[in-house]
Protein backbone atom coordinates (compact mmCIF):
# COMPACT_ATOMS: atom_id res chain seq x y z
CA MET A 1 -14.81 18.22 1.66
CA ILE A 2 -11.19 18.85 2.60
CA ARG A 3 -8.44 19.61 0.08
CA TYR A 4 -4.88 18.80 1.17
CA HIS A 5 -1.81 20.35 -0.41
CA ALA A 6 1.61 18.64 -0.36
CA SER A 7 4.99 19.01 -2.05
CA TRP A 8 4.54 15.60 -3.70
CA ILE A 9 1.55 13.37 -4.40
CA LEU A 10 2.46 9.79 -5.38
CA PRO A 11 -0.65 8.24 -6.96
CA ILE A 12 -0.86 4.57 -7.90
CA SER A 13 -1.76 4.92 -11.58
CA GLN A 14 -0.10 8.21 -12.53
CA PRO A 15 3.40 9.69 -12.39
CA PRO A 16 4.31 11.65 -9.23
CA ILE A 17 2.76 15.11 -8.97
CA ARG A 18 4.99 17.90 -7.71
CA ASP A 19 3.19 20.65 -5.77
CA GLY A 20 -0.07 18.73 -5.76
CA TRP A 21 -3.35 18.48 -3.94
CA PHE A 22 -5.95 15.82 -3.24
CA ALA A 23 -9.54 16.18 -2.07
CA VAL A 24 -11.17 13.93 0.52
CA ASP A 25 -14.94 13.70 0.86
CA ARG A 26 -16.51 11.49 3.55
CA GLY A 27 -13.25 9.59 4.08
CA ARG A 28 -12.49 8.89 0.40
CA VAL A 29 -10.09 10.53 -2.02
CA VAL A 30 -12.33 11.98 -4.75
CA ALA A 31 -9.90 14.07 -6.82
CA LEU A 32 -6.25 15.03 -7.15
CA GLY A 33 -4.11 17.25 -9.31
CA ALA A 34 -1.27 19.71 -9.59
CA ALA A 35 -1.58 23.06 -7.84
CA GLY A 36 -2.73 25.75 -10.24
CA LYS A 37 -4.26 23.31 -12.75
CA ARG A 38 -7.78 22.21 -11.81
CA VAL A 39 -9.02 23.85 -8.64
CA LEU A 40 -12.26 22.62 -7.14
CA ALA A 41 -14.64 25.52 -6.65
CA ASP A 42 -16.55 23.85 -3.87
CA GLY A 43 -15.58 25.94 -0.86
CA ALA A 44 -13.54 23.06 0.56
CA GLN A 45 -11.37 23.57 3.61
CA VAL A 46 -7.72 23.66 2.50
CA ILE A 47 -4.97 22.13 4.66
CA ASP A 48 -1.32 22.62 3.70
CA LEU A 49 0.67 19.56 4.74
CA GLY A 50 3.97 21.28 3.97
CA ASP A 51 7.09 19.69 2.53
CA VAL A 52 5.87 16.07 2.49
CA ALA A 53 5.18 13.27 0.03
CA VAL A 54 1.72 11.70 0.23
CA MET A 55 1.25 8.14 -0.99
CA PRO A 56 -1.38 5.40 -0.62
CA GLY A 57 -1.20 3.23 2.47
CA LEU A 58 0.88 0.08 2.14
CA VAL A 59 -0.49 -3.31 3.11
CA ASN A 60 1.72 -6.09 4.41
CA ALA A 61 0.09 -9.21 2.97
CA HIS A 62 2.74 -11.55 4.40
CA THR A 63 1.20 -14.06 6.79
CA HIS A 64 1.79 -17.36 8.52
CA LEU A 65 -1.49 -19.27 8.45
CA LYS A 66 -0.58 -21.41 11.43
CA LEU A 67 -0.24 -18.23 13.50
CA SER A 68 -3.45 -16.60 12.27
CA TYR A 69 -7.12 -17.07 13.01
CA LEU A 70 -7.04 -19.76 10.24
CA ARG A 71 -4.80 -21.94 12.41
CA ASP A 72 -7.32 -24.79 12.74
CA GLU A 73 -8.98 -24.17 9.36
CA VAL A 74 -6.00 -25.21 7.19
CA PRO A 75 -5.31 -28.96 7.37
CA ARG A 76 -1.89 -29.74 8.85
CA VAL A 77 -1.10 -31.94 5.82
CA ALA A 78 -1.35 -28.89 3.54
CA VAL A 79 0.91 -26.86 5.83
CA ARG A 80 3.52 -29.66 5.95
CA HIS A 81 3.31 -30.05 2.15
CA LEU A 82 3.93 -26.35 1.59
CA GLY A 83 6.90 -26.44 3.98
CA ALA A 84 8.37 -29.46 2.20
CA ARG A 85 8.12 -27.74 -1.19
CA ARG A 86 9.84 -24.66 0.23
CA ASP A 87 12.64 -26.76 1.75
CA ALA A 88 13.14 -28.75 -1.48
CA GLY A 89 13.40 -25.52 -3.50
CA ALA A 90 15.96 -24.09 -1.09
CA ALA A 91 18.06 -27.27 -1.32
CA ARG A 92 18.28 -26.94 -5.10
CA ALA A 93 19.12 -23.24 -5.09
CA PRO A 94 22.75 -22.56 -6.13
CA GLY A 95 24.94 -21.76 -3.16
CA SER A 96 22.25 -22.63 -0.60
CA GLN A 97 23.16 -24.69 2.45
CA ARG A 98 20.83 -26.69 4.64
CA SER A 99 21.32 -26.50 8.36
């Protein structure tokens, strides 16, 4: 197990933790907390990351199906229909101009 220390830990379901740590075991975060509160007595290697903020990885879920491996799996009619709905919505938006 490795315990990392950082100036800030930004968990998903809790407020930011100043002067915090998180423990990683076999590639997974297994615990986290504020320095000086709960210290794991497991003999873990400690690595100080310094003056940084640690946060979960971000995932970009934006995609264009026609450019992905699903290119031939999505019927072209569905793709054209989705594009038409998008264009119709843009035409009705206040201040929007069609080119």
